[in-house]
């Protein structure tokens, strides 16, 4: 076997591997001898089938297996001998004119992980913005719970419905005077002002009384779930069954007991604890963002283009999803295109931070334990049907890349916690509004500070166009995270290198299909009535 390096440029590597025909023939001979005792053929005693007949019957598949195994071993050897850490699966191509009995020439190309410089983590300084739950916030949360448990009392038949009242209606929807599928219902309870129904519907219930008949005129939203109704004008013939007024809910021990608790004090304590957890999460978000900003500002090294492209595609897919929800989809996509380079830069930052956090974690013994991994699998499995959860768990345990992707967020959080412990942290008490404003200020996606190299003269954000996707939200999420670089450690050569190019394409497609088939399907949600909001 001969391995010749043909490219060594930046993070790109390429090799030509020549496998002599005699080596392949020797491997085929060895495999024939190995399987001979198990081969059964009419007219021959078990284990006595001649080698030439075995070759005739199974030679093609034996040769393909031998070739694949030899290619795999040669790729592994090239990676091992050159001390490479692949960033992605190596591309492996066999020469087009290969045939049994000839030397095999294999082209291997890959991108490798960069040599990450020793991270500077001893001079990290952070400010921790802390917030105490305000009593008003606790009271508001309690009131929201009370509102959610609100009861309604039937009003007199002469009572006219107003906002906040519940109206029970029978309805039938029509487009151009023709009833449409799913547009009919009976006894539907609607709280005026809840936003439960399509825009404009609830407003026209105001002033109606029990037994009133009316025609509601509405236009379905352009992004309505039922495509045949999207953007169309419709009427709903309705009959009011009854109007109900909201009853008074007292925040007392009896109310807390109706929720399964012992007292209002216990309920208040639980609410306060939830608010503290929420505020701590905001504090951590701000600190983590500042930490990543410092790491990004202090470390600059080349990153694998393929990893950047994968990260960019993930960000872009999220933008596409958000754009699809806008009223003017094309305008939203045009807005995205204007900032394509900016989102690409975010992808570069995320990959670099991911590699950096991975390096810090490995250098300092940060790891996700088996117990923690089992908890992650159990939590992720909850999104599937009961009968599919075991299949999902087996899929994760048998698929290293899937396991790495699931493990990566927790691994990143553990590295971040390690860095928090190393950092010099000062505390400052602020209000919730000040904390949220500080987080909002980071949403423009760059490192703030006198040395950040950014022109701050245009930091004031223009008002977002109605059709524009939620760029700030996407950027905030992208900037606040690092790419799951722990997963790149799993990017090893495929277990079986295909014997021919055509076979390679077929095997890739099969692998994707197999992965899709192995993942249990989620339950499909039930269809909503057409009158409800998309």
Protein backbone atom coordinates (compact mmCIF):
# COMPACT_ATOMS: atom_id res chain seq x y z
CA UNK A 1 0.00 0.00 0.00
CA UNK A 2 1.31 3.44 -0.96
CA UNK A 3 -0.02 6.70 0.55
CA UNK A 4 0.98 9.97 -1.13
CA UNK A 5 -0.05 13.39 0.16
CA UNK A 6 -1.36 15.53 -2.72
CA UNK A 7 -2.70 18.57 -0.84
CA UNK A 8 -1.68 20.31 2.37
CA UNK A 9 -3.21 23.76 2.29
CA UNK A 10 -4.61 25.39 5.41
CA UNK A 11 -6.98 22.85 6.93
CA UNK A 12 -7.44 20.89 3.70
CA UNK A 13 -5.66 17.60 3.13
CA UNK A 14 -5.76 15.16 0.23
CA UNK A 15 -4.08 11.81 -0.37
CA UNK A 16 -3.78 9.27 -3.15
CA UNK A 17 -3.71 5.71 -1.86
CA UNK A 18 -2.62 2.88 -4.14
CA UNK A 19 -3.62 -0.64 -3.10
CA UNK A 20 -1.79 -3.38 -5.06
CA UNK A 21 -3.95 -6.01 -6.71
CA UNK A 22 -1.89 -8.75 -5.08
CA UNK A 23 -2.80 -7.46 -1.61
CA UNK A 24 -6.50 -7.57 -2.48
CA UNK A 25 -6.17 -11.05 -3.98
CA UNK A 26 -4.44 -12.27 -0.82
CA UNK A 27 -7.25 -10.86 1.29
CA UNK A 28 -9.88 -12.52 -0.91
CA UNK A 29 -8.03 -15.86 -0.64
CA UNK A 30 -7.93 -15.54 3.13
CA UNK A 31 -11.66 -14.79 3.26
CA UNK A 32 -12.47 -17.77 1.01
CA UNK A 33 -10.53 -20.07 3.34
CA UNK A 34 -12.30 -18.54 6.31
CA UNK A 35 -15.81 -19.14 5.02
CA UNK A 36 -15.15 -22.45 3.30
CA UNK A 37 -16.09 -24.61 6.33
CA UNK A 38 -19.53 -22.96 6.46
CA UNK A 39 -20.36 -23.12 2.74
CA UNK A 40 -22.99 -25.69 1.75
CA UNK A 41 -23.36 -26.81 -1.85
CA UNK A 42 -25.26 -29.78 -3.32
CA UNK A 43 -22.93 -32.67 -4.20
CA UNK A 44 -20.25 -31.73 -1.70
CA UNK A 45 -19.77 -32.66 1.92
CA UNK A 46 -19.85 -29.74 4.41
CA UNK A 47 -16.52 -27.90 4.33
CA UNK A 48 -15.34 -29.68 1.15
CA UNK A 49 -16.56 -27.20 -1.47
CA UNK A 50 -13.58 -26.32 -3.75
CA UNK A 51 -12.20 -22.80 -3.41
CA UNK A 52 -12.69 -22.10 -7.12
CA UNK A 53 -16.44 -22.81 -6.80
CA UNK A 54 -16.70 -20.59 -3.75
CA UNK A 55 -15.00 -17.84 -5.75
CA UNK A 56 -17.42 -18.40 -8.62
CA UNK A 57 -20.49 -18.28 -6.36
CA UNK A 58 -19.46 -15.54 -3.92
CA UNK A 59 -16.34 -13.99 -5.40
CA UNK A 60 -17.87 -10.65 -6.36
CA UNK A 61 -19.30 -9.91 -2.92
CA UNK A 62 -16.16 -11.23 -1.17
CA UNK A 63 -13.99 -9.02 -3.36
CA UNK A 64 -16.19 -5.96 -2.71
CA UNK A 65 -16.01 -6.56 1.05
CA UNK A 66 -12.25 -7.04 0.90
CA UNK A 67 -11.84 -3.86 -1.14
CA UNK A 68 -14.03 -1.85 1.21
CA UNK A 69 -12.21 -3.14 4.29
CA UNK A 70 -8.80 -2.43 2.75
CA UNK A 71 -9.81 1.08 1.73
CA UNK A 72 -11.11 1.74 5.24
CA UNK A 73 -7.89 0.49 6.79
CA UNK A 74 -5.81 2.60 4.40
CA UNK A 75 -7.81 5.75 5.18
CA UNK A 76 -7.43 5.05 8.90
CA UNK A 77 -3.70 4.56 8.41
CA UNK A 78 -3.35 7.85 6.49
CA UNK A 79 -5.17 9.68 9.28
CA UNK A 80 -3.20 7.93 12.01
CA UNK A 81 0.23 8.29 10.38
CA UNK A 82 -0.29 11.99 9.71
CA UNK A 83 -1.79 12.72 13.16
CA UNK A 84 -4.95 14.14 11.63
CA UNK A 85 -8.17 15.06 13.43
CA UNK A 86 -10.90 15.09 10.75
CA UNK A 87 -13.44 17.88 11.02
CA UNK A 88 -15.86 16.02 8.76
CA UNK A 89 -16.18 12.60 7.21
CA UNK A 90 -13.36 12.15 4.66
CA UNK A 91 -14.43 12.00 1.02
CA UNK A 92 -13.26 8.67 -0.44
CA UNK A 93 -13.35 8.01 -4.22
CA UNK A 94 -12.17 4.93 -6.08
CA UNK A 95 -10.85 5.42 -9.61
CA UNK A 96 -13.61 5.02 -12.21
CA UNK A 97 -11.82 2.37 -14.29
CA UNK A 98 -11.11 0.04 -11.40
CA UNK A 99 -11.74 -3.66 -12.00
CA UNK A 100 -10.84 -6.82 -10.11
CA UNK A 101 -7.26 -7.84 -10.78
CA UNK A 102 -6.03 -4.25 -11.09
CA UNK A 103 -4.40 -1.96 -8.55
CA UNK A 104 -6.94 0.23 -6.75
CA UNK A 105 -6.26 3.95 -6.64
CA UNK A 106 -8.22 5.85 -4.01
CA UNK A 107 -8.52 9.63 -3.68
CA UNK A 108 -9.08 10.83 -0.11
CA UNK A 109 -9.86 14.44 0.78
CA UNK A 110 -10.80 15.93 4.12
CA UNK A 111 -10.70 18.97 6.34
CA UNK A 112 -8.94 18.75 9.67
CA UNK A 113 -9.50 20.49 12.97
CA UNK A 114 -7.12 23.38 13.59
CA UNK A 115 -4.50 23.46 16.28
CA UNK A 116 -6.34 25.58 18.81
CA UNK A 117 -3.95 27.88 20.69
CA UNK A 118 -3.82 27.44 24.45
CA UNK A 119 -6.94 29.27 25.61
CA UNK A 120 -6.43 32.39 27.72
CA UNK A 121 -8.80 31.72 30.61
CA UNK A 122 -6.94 33.13 33.62
CA UNK A 123 -7.83 36.77 33.02
CA UNK A 124 -11.58 36.52 32.49
CA UNK A 125 -13.56 39.16 34.37
CA UNK A 126 -17.35 39.19 34.43
CA UNK A 127 -20.13 41.20 35.99
CA UNK A 128 -23.08 39.28 37.40
CA UNK A 129 -26.31 41.29 37.24
CA UNK A 130 -28.66 40.01 39.94
CA UNK A 131 -32.35 40.69 40.39
CA UNK A 132 -34.62 40.04 43.37
CA UNK A 133 -38.19 39.02 42.45
CA UNK A 134 -40.43 42.06 42.91
CA UNK A 135 -43.52 41.65 45.04
CA UNK A 136 -45.61 43.11 42.22
CA UNK A 137 -44.30 40.42 39.87
CA UNK A 138 -45.29 37.70 42.35
CA UNK A 139 -48.76 39.24 42.69
CA UNK A 140 -49.16 39.49 38.92
CA UNK A 141 -48.15 35.84 38.50
CA UNK A 142 -50.67 34.80 41.13
CA UNK A 143 -53.35 36.81 39.35
CA UNK A 144 -52.51 35.15 36.03
CA UNK A 145 -53.00 31.75 37.66
CA UNK A 146 -56.30 32.94 39.08
CA UNK A 147 -57.35 34.23 35.65
CA UNK A 148 -56.45 30.86 34.16
CA UNK A 149 -58.73 29.16 36.68
CA UNK A 150 -61.50 31.67 36.07
CA UNK A 151 -65.07 30.43 36.16
CA UNK A 152 -67.94 31.97 34.20
CA UNK A 153 -71.52 32.52 35.34
CA UNK A 154 -74.45 32.62 32.95
CA UNK A 155 -75.63 36.22 32.42
CA UNK A 156 -79.26 37.30 32.01
CA UNK A 157 -80.62 36.85 28.47
CA UNK A 158 -80.81 40.63 28.06
CA UNK A 159 -77.11 41.07 28.92
CA UNK A 160 -74.90 42.25 26.05
CA UNK A 161 -71.47 40.63 25.73
CA UNK A 162 -68.37 42.74 26.28
CA UNK A 163 -64.62 42.10 26.29
CA UNK A 164 -63.65 39.48 28.84
CA UNK A 165 -67.02 37.73 28.69
CA UNK A 166 -67.42 34.17 27.42
CA UNK A 167 -69.81 33.65 24.51
CA UNK A 168 -71.05 30.17 23.58
CA UNK A 169 -71.84 29.95 19.86
CA UNK A 170 -72.90 27.64 17.07
CA UNK A 171 -71.33 28.64 13.76
CA UNK A 172 -71.01 27.77 10.08
CA UNK A 173 -68.33 29.33 7.89
CA UNK A 174 -68.68 30.09 4.19
CA UNK A 175 -66.44 31.34 1.39
CA UNK A 176 -68.32 32.97 -1.50
CA UNK A 177 -71.51 31.71 0.12
CA UNK A 178 -70.38 28.07 0.06
CA UNK A 179 -69.73 26.19 3.35
CA UNK A 180 -66.17 24.88 3.66
CA UNK A 181 -64.83 21.78 5.33
CA UNK A 182 -64.11 22.20 9.06
CA UNK A 183 -66.01 25.48 9.22
CA UNK A 184 -68.96 24.27 11.27
CA UNK A 185 -69.20 23.83 15.02
CA UNK A 186 -71.61 23.84 17.95
CA UNK A 187 -71.30 24.98 21.54
CA UNK A 188 -67.89 26.58 21.11
CA UNK A 189 -66.98 28.82 24.09
CA UNK A 190 -65.05 31.95 23.14
CA UNK A 191 -63.64 34.55 25.54
CA UNK A 192 -63.81 37.92 23.83
CA UNK A 193 -60.34 39.45 23.63
CA UNK A 194 -58.48 36.15 24.16
CA UNK A 195 -57.18 36.03 20.58
CA UNK A 196 -58.46 32.47 20.31
CA UNK A 197 -60.07 33.02 16.92
CA UNK A 198 -58.90 34.59 13.66
CA UNK A 199 -58.45 38.39 13.73
CA UNK A 200 -61.70 40.38 13.76
CA UNK A 201 -63.95 37.49 14.78
CA UNK A 202 -64.11 38.12 18.51
CA UNK A 203 -64.56 41.89 18.14
CA UNK A 204 -67.85 41.28 16.32
CA UNK A 205 -69.23 39.29 19.25
CA UNK A 206 -69.30 42.41 21.41
CA UNK A 207 -72.89 43.57 22.03
CA UNK A 208 -74.56 40.25 21.22
CA UNK A 209 -77.05 38.61 23.60
CA UNK A 210 -78.25 35.06 24.17
CA UNK A 211 -80.26 33.71 21.19
CA UNK A 212 -78.96 36.47 18.87
CA UNK A 213 -78.14 35.52 15.29
CA UNK A 214 -75.41 37.36 13.40
CA UNK A 215 -73.10 37.16 10.41
CA UNK A 216 -69.40 37.61 11.16
CA UNK A 217 -67.21 38.94 8.33
CA UNK A 218 -63.50 38.07 8.45
CA UNK A 219 -60.50 37.50 6.21
CA UNK A 220 -58.27 34.51 6.86
CA UNK A 221 -54.58 35.43 7.38
CA UNK A 222 -52.22 34.94 4.42
CA UNK A 223 -50.22 32.41 6.46
CA UNK A 224 -53.29 30.48 7.64
CA UNK A 225 -52.63 26.75 8.06
CA UNK A 226 -55.33 25.63 5.59
CA UNK A 227 -53.91 26.78 2.26
CA UNK A 228 -57.31 26.72 0.53
CA UNK A 229 -58.56 29.36 3.00
CA UNK A 230 -55.43 31.48 3.37
CA UNK A 231 -56.08 35.12 2.47
CA UNK A 232 -59.73 34.56 1.60
CA UNK A 233 -62.72 36.59 2.81
CA UNK A 234 -65.28 34.51 4.69
CA UNK A 235 -68.54 34.82 6.58
CA UNK A 236 -69.64 32.92 9.66
CA UNK A 237 -73.33 32.52 10.43
CA UNK A 238 -73.54 32.32 14.21
CA UNK A 239 -76.18 31.73 16.85
CA UNK A 240 -75.40 32.78 20.41
CA UNK A 241 -76.33 30.07 22.90
CA UNK A 242 -75.51 32.04 26.02
CA UNK A 243 -73.30 34.79 27.34
CA UNK A 244 -71.33 34.29 30.54
CA UNK A 245 -69.67 36.81 32.81
CA UNK A 246 -66.38 36.02 34.56
CA UNK A 247 -66.81 35.09 38.21
CA UNK A 248 -64.60 36.48 40.94
CA UNK A 249 -61.64 34.35 42.02
CA UNK A 250 -60.30 35.09 45.48
CA UNK A 251 -56.60 34.58 46.13
CA UNK A 252 -56.85 32.75 49.44
CA UNK A 253 -56.07 29.41 51.05
CA UNK A 254 -59.14 27.82 49.48
CA UNK A 255 -57.90 28.82 46.03
CA UNK A 256 -54.47 27.30 46.75
CA UNK A 257 -56.15 24.11 48.00
CA UNK A 258 -58.12 23.89 44.74
CA UNK A 259 -54.72 23.61 43.04
CA UNK A 260 -53.63 20.78 45.34
CA UNK A 261 -51.53 22.90 47.69
CA UNK A 262 -51.83 23.50 51.43
CA UNK A 263 -52.05 27.28 51.59
CA UNK A 264 -51.72 30.55 49.71
CA UNK A 265 -48.34 30.99 51.41
CA UNK A 266 -47.09 27.78 49.84
CA UNK A 267 -48.39 28.85 46.41
CA UNK A 268 -46.73 32.25 46.81
CA UNK A 269 -43.44 30.57 47.74
CA UNK A 270 -43.60 28.36 44.65
CA UNK A 271 -44.29 31.35 42.41
CA UNK A 272 -41.41 33.28 43.96
CA UNK A 273 -39.11 30.30 43.44
CA UNK A 274 -40.10 30.07 39.77
CA UNK A 275 -39.47 33.78 39.29
CA UNK A 276 -36.05 33.45 40.96
CA UNK A 277 -35.21 30.58 38.61
CA UNK A 278 -36.31 32.63 35.62
CA UNK A 279 -34.28 35.64 36.72
CA UNK A 280 -31.23 33.46 37.41
CA UNK A 281 -31.58 32.17 33.86
CA UNK A 282 -31.52 35.74 32.53
CA UNK A 283 -28.47 36.49 34.68
CA UNK A 284 -26.71 33.42 33.31
CA UNK A 285 -27.63 34.33 29.73
CA UNK A 286 -26.05 37.76 30.14
CA UNK A 287 -22.92 36.36 31.80
CA UNK A 288 -22.52 33.61 29.24
CA UNK A 289 -22.84 36.06 26.39
CA UNK A 290 -20.19 38.29 27.93
CA UNK A 291 -17.95 35.27 28.52
CA UNK A 292 -18.24 34.15 24.89
CA UNK A 293 -17.59 37.72 23.76
CA UNK A 294 -14.32 37.75 25.69
CA UNK A 295 -13.28 34.36 24.33
CA UNK A 296 -14.12 35.43 20.79
CA UNK A 297 -12.20 38.69 21.17
CA UNK A 298 -9.08 36.99 22.57
CA UNK A 299 -8.80 34.02 20.22
CA UNK A 300 -8.53 34.02 16.45
CA UNK A 301 -7.65 30.95 14.40
CA UNK A 302 -8.68 29.33 11.15
CA UNK A 303 -11.79 27.14 11.24
CA UNK A 304 -12.85 24.35 8.85
CA UNK A 305 -15.01 25.81 6.01
CA UNK A 306 -17.23 22.72 5.97
CA UNK A 307 -18.12 23.18 9.64
CA UNK A 308 -18.84 26.85 9.03
CA UNK A 309 -21.06 25.95 6.09
CA UNK A 310 -23.00 23.42 8.19
CA UNK A 311 -23.45 25.98 10.97
CA UNK A 312 -24.52 28.66 8.52
CA UNK A 313 -27.05 26.31 6.94
CA UNK A 314 -28.54 25.66 10.37
CA UNK A 315 -28.89 29.39 11.07
CA UNK A 316 -30.29 30.00 7.59
CA UNK A 317 -32.86 27.22 7.99
CA UNK A 318 -34.11 28.91 11.17
CA UNK A 319 -34.38 32.20 9.30
CA UNK A 320 -36.29 30.49 6.49
CA UNK A 321 -38.76 29.07 9.00
CA UNK A 322 -39.34 32.49 10.53
CA UNK A 323 -39.64 34.18 7.13
CA UNK A 324 -42.31 31.66 6.14
CA UNK A 325 -44.46 32.93 9.03
CA UNK A 326 -44.36 36.55 7.87
CA UNK A 327 -47.16 38.22 5.93
CA UNK A 328 -44.84 39.06 3.04
CA UNK A 329 -42.60 36.04 2.72
CA UNK A 330 -40.62 37.36 -0.26
CA UNK A 331 -39.86 40.67 1.48
CA UNK A 332 -38.72 38.74 4.55
CA UNK A 333 -36.36 36.61 2.46
CA UNK A 334 -35.01 39.70 0.71
CA UNK A 335 -34.26 41.18 4.14
CA UNK A 336 -32.41 37.98 5.05
CA UNK A 337 -30.29 38.15 1.92
CA UNK A 338 -29.08 41.63 2.84
CA UNK A 339 -27.49 40.20 5.98
CA UNK A 340 -26.21 36.91 4.54
CA UNK A 341 -22.57 37.90 5.13
CA UNK A 342 -23.38 38.90 8.70
CA UNK A 343 -24.97 35.54 9.44
CA UNK A 344 -22.00 33.80 7.83
CA UNK A 345 -19.71 35.70 10.21
CA UNK A 346 -21.87 34.50 13.10
CA UNK A 347 -21.42 30.92 11.86
CA UNK A 348 -17.63 31.40 11.84
CA UNK A 349 -17.78 32.78 15.39
CA UNK A 350 -19.93 29.88 16.61
CA UNK A 351 -17.63 27.24 15.13
CA UNK A 352 -14.54 28.93 16.55
CA UNK A 353 -16.14 29.20 19.99
CA UNK A 354 -17.27 25.59 19.81
CA UNK A 355 -13.73 24.40 19.07
CA UNK A 356 -12.38 26.65 21.78
CA UNK A 357 -14.82 25.38 24.42
CA UNK A 358 -14.10 21.81 23.36
CA UNK A 359 -10.37 22.42 23.79
CA UNK A 360 -10.91 24.00 27.22
CA UNK A 361 -13.16 21.13 28.31
CA UNK A 362 -10.76 18.40 27.19
CA UNK A 363 -7.75 20.14 28.71
CA UNK A 364 -9.50 20.45 32.06
CA UNK A 365 -11.22 17.08 32.32
CA UNK A 366 -14.76 18.32 31.73
CA UNK A 367 -17.02 15.47 30.70
CA UNK A 368 -20.63 14.33 30.62
CA UNK A 369 -21.08 11.26 32.83
CA UNK A 370 -22.96 8.13 31.79
CA UNK A 371 -25.66 8.97 34.32
CA UNK A 372 -26.07 12.47 32.88
CA UNK A 373 -26.21 11.02 29.35
CA UNK A 374 -28.95 8.59 30.38
CA UNK A 375 -30.92 11.52 31.79
CA UNK A 376 -30.49 13.44 28.53
CA UNK A 377 -31.75 10.48 26.53
CA UNK A 378 -34.73 10.00 28.83
CA UNK A 379 -35.66 13.68 28.59
CA UNK A 380 -35.34 13.77 24.80
CA UNK A 381 -37.37 10.56 24.49
CA UNK A 382 -40.36 12.25 26.13
CA UNK A 383 -41.20 13.99 22.86
CA UNK A 384 -41.96 10.61 21.26
CA UNK A 385 -44.80 8.18 21.74
CA UNK A 386 -44.43 5.74 24.61
CA UNK A 387 -43.95 2.79 22.28
CA UNK A 388 -41.17 4.60 20.36
CA UNK A 389 -39.07 5.79 23.27
CA UNK A 390 -36.98 2.65 23.59
CA UNK A 391 -36.20 2.74 19.86
CA UNK A 392 -35.11 6.35 20.19
CA UNK A 393 -32.83 5.51 23.13
CA UNK A 394 -31.25 2.65 21.17
CA UNK A 395 -30.78 4.90 18.15
CA UNK A 396 -28.92 7.49 20.24
CA UNK A 397 -26.72 4.88 21.94
CA UNK A 398 -25.84 3.22 18.61
CA UNK A 399 -25.21 6.43 16.65
CA UNK A 400 -22.13 8.32 17.89
CA UNK A 401 -22.90 11.53 16.01
CA UNK A 402 -26.49 11.63 17.30
CA UNK A 403 -25.24 11.00 20.83
CA UNK A 404 -22.65 13.76 20.48
CA UNK A 405 -25.26 16.23 19.26
CA UNK A 406 -27.52 15.40 22.20
CA UNK A 407 -24.64 15.62 24.67
CA UNK A 408 -23.11 18.83 23.26
CA UNK A 409 -25.36 21.48 24.91
CA UNK A 410 -24.81 20.00 28.39
CA UNK A 411 -21.09 19.66 27.70
CA UNK A 412 -20.95 23.32 26.67
CA UNK A 413 -22.82 24.39 29.81
CA UNK A 414 -20.39 22.42 31.96
CA UNK A 415 -17.43 24.09 30.28
CA UNK A 416 -19.09 27.49 30.76
CA UNK A 417 -19.63 26.67 34.46
CA UNK A 418 -15.96 25.72 34.73
CA UNK A 419 -15.00 29.09 33.23
CA UNK A 420 -17.37 30.91 35.57
CA UNK A 421 -15.52 29.27 38.47
CA UNK A 422 -12.19 30.47 37.04
CA UNK A 423 -13.39 34.01 36.31
CA UNK A 424 -13.21 37.06 38.54
CA UNK A 425 -16.86 37.98 39.07
CA UNK A 426 -18.34 41.13 40.59
CA UNK A 427 -22.02 41.34 41.53
CA UNK A 428 -24.34 44.25 40.87
CA UNK A 429 -28.02 44.40 41.79
CA UNK A 430 -30.28 45.68 39.04
CA UNK A 431 -33.95 45.66 38.17
CA UNK A 432 -35.41 43.13 35.77
CA UNK A 433 -35.85 45.88 33.22
CA UNK A 434 -32.16 46.81 33.45
CA UNK A 435 -31.11 43.16 33.08
CA UNK A 436 -33.34 42.65 30.05
CA UNK A 437 -32.04 45.90 28.55
CA UNK A 438 -28.46 44.65 29.01
CA UNK A 439 -29.33 41.42 27.21
CA UNK A 440 -31.14 43.34 24.48
CA UNK A 441 -28.06 45.53 24.00
CA UNK A 442 -26.06 42.43 23.08
CA UNK A 443 -28.47 41.36 20.37
CA UNK A 444 -26.71 43.21 17.58
CA UNK A 445 -24.20 40.35 17.58
CA UNK A 446 -20.76 41.79 18.29
CA UNK A 447 -18.40 42.22 21.20
CA UNK A 448 -19.03 45.56 22.92
CA UNK A 449 -16.18 47.56 24.36
CA UNK A 450 -13.59 50.21 23.53
CA UNK A 451 -11.33 47.67 21.81
CA UNK A 452 -13.93 45.74 19.87
CA UNK A 453 -13.01 47.43 16.61
CA UNK A 454 -16.65 48.23 15.85
CA UNK A 455 -18.02 51.60 14.76
CA UNK A 456 -20.54 52.38 17.50
CA UNK A 457 -21.92 55.40 15.68
CA UNK A 458 -24.64 53.28 14.07
CA UNK A 459 -25.52 51.10 17.07
CA UNK A 460 -29.03 52.50 17.28
CA UNK A 461 -31.16 49.91 15.54
CA UNK A 462 -33.60 50.97 12.81
CA UNK A 463 -37.20 49.97 13.33
CA UNK A 464 -37.80 46.53 11.92
CA UNK A 465 -39.96 46.32 8.84
CA UNK A 466 -43.20 44.47 9.32
CA UNK A 467 -42.18 41.82 6.81
CA UNK A 468 -38.69 41.31 8.18
CA UNK A 469 -37.89 38.07 10.02
CA UNK A 470 -36.95 38.27 13.68
CA UNK A 471 -33.29 38.90 12.96
CA UNK A 472 -32.39 40.06 16.44
CA UNK A 473 -33.84 36.93 18.00
CA UNK A 474 -31.95 34.67 15.62
CA UNK A 475 -28.75 36.58 16.10
CA UNK A 476 -29.18 36.58 19.85
CA UNK A 477 -29.61 32.81 19.89
CA UNK A 478 -26.70 32.28 17.51
CA UNK A 479 -24.35 34.60 19.36
CA UNK A 480 -25.26 33.18 22.76
CA UNK A 481 -24.23 29.67 21.79
CA UNK A 482 -21.21 27.93 20.40
CA UNK A 483 -21.37 25.26 17.73
CA UNK A 484 -21.45 21.76 19.30
CA UNK A 485 -17.76 21.16 18.68
CA UNK A 486 -17.72 18.15 20.98
CA UNK A 487 -19.51 16.38 18.16
CA UNK A 488 -16.63 16.90 15.74
CA UNK A 489 -14.55 14.46 17.69
CA UNK A 490 -16.91 11.80 16.34
CA UNK A 491 -16.25 12.74 12.70
CA UNK A 492 -14.28 9.64 11.91
CA UNK A 493 -14.13 7.83 8.55
CA UNK A 494 -17.14 5.77 7.62
CA UNK A 495 -17.07 2.17 8.79
CA UNK A 496 -17.27 0.85 5.25
CA UNK A 497 -15.77 2.68 2.28
CA UNK A 498 -17.84 2.00 -0.88
CA UNK A 499 -16.12 0.14 -3.65
CA UNK A 500 -17.22 2.44 -6.46
CA UNK A 501 -18.32 6.05 -6.79
CA UNK A 502 -21.86 5.12 -7.74
CA UNK A 503 -22.01 2.84 -4.75
CA UNK A 504 -20.78 5.68 -2.57
CA UNK A 505 -23.70 7.88 -3.54
CA UNK A 506 -26.15 5.05 -3.04
CA UNK A 507 -24.71 4.23 0.39
CA UNK A 508 -24.90 7.87 1.50
CA UNK A 509 -28.55 8.03 0.56
CA UNK A 510 -29.22 4.75 2.30
CA UNK A 511 -27.54 5.96 5.46
CA UNK A 512 -29.70 9.07 5.51
CA UNK A 513 -32.82 7.00 4.90
CA UNK A 514 -31.87 4.54 7.60
CA UNK A 515 -31.32 7.35 10.06
CA UNK A 516 -34.69 8.83 9.23
CA UNK A 517 -36.36 5.44 9.52
CA UNK A 518 -34.74 4.74 12.88
CA UNK A 519 -36.01 7.96 14.44
CA UNK A 520 -39.51 7.35 15.81
CA UNK A 521 -42.24 9.53 14.38
CA UNK A 522 -43.79 12.14 16.62
CA UNK A 523 -47.54 12.22 17.06
CA UNK A 524 -49.27 14.38 14.50
CA UNK A 525 -51.28 17.15 16.13
CA UNK A 526 -55.03 17.11 15.69
CA UNK A 527 -56.38 19.59 13.16
CA UNK A 528 -57.85 22.75 14.63
CA UNK A 529 -61.27 24.07 13.66
CA UNK A 530 -60.98 26.43 10.71
CA UNK A 531 -62.30 29.32 12.76
CA UNK A 532 -59.34 29.14 15.14
CA UNK A 533 -56.17 31.11 14.69
CA UNK A 534 -53.55 29.49 12.46
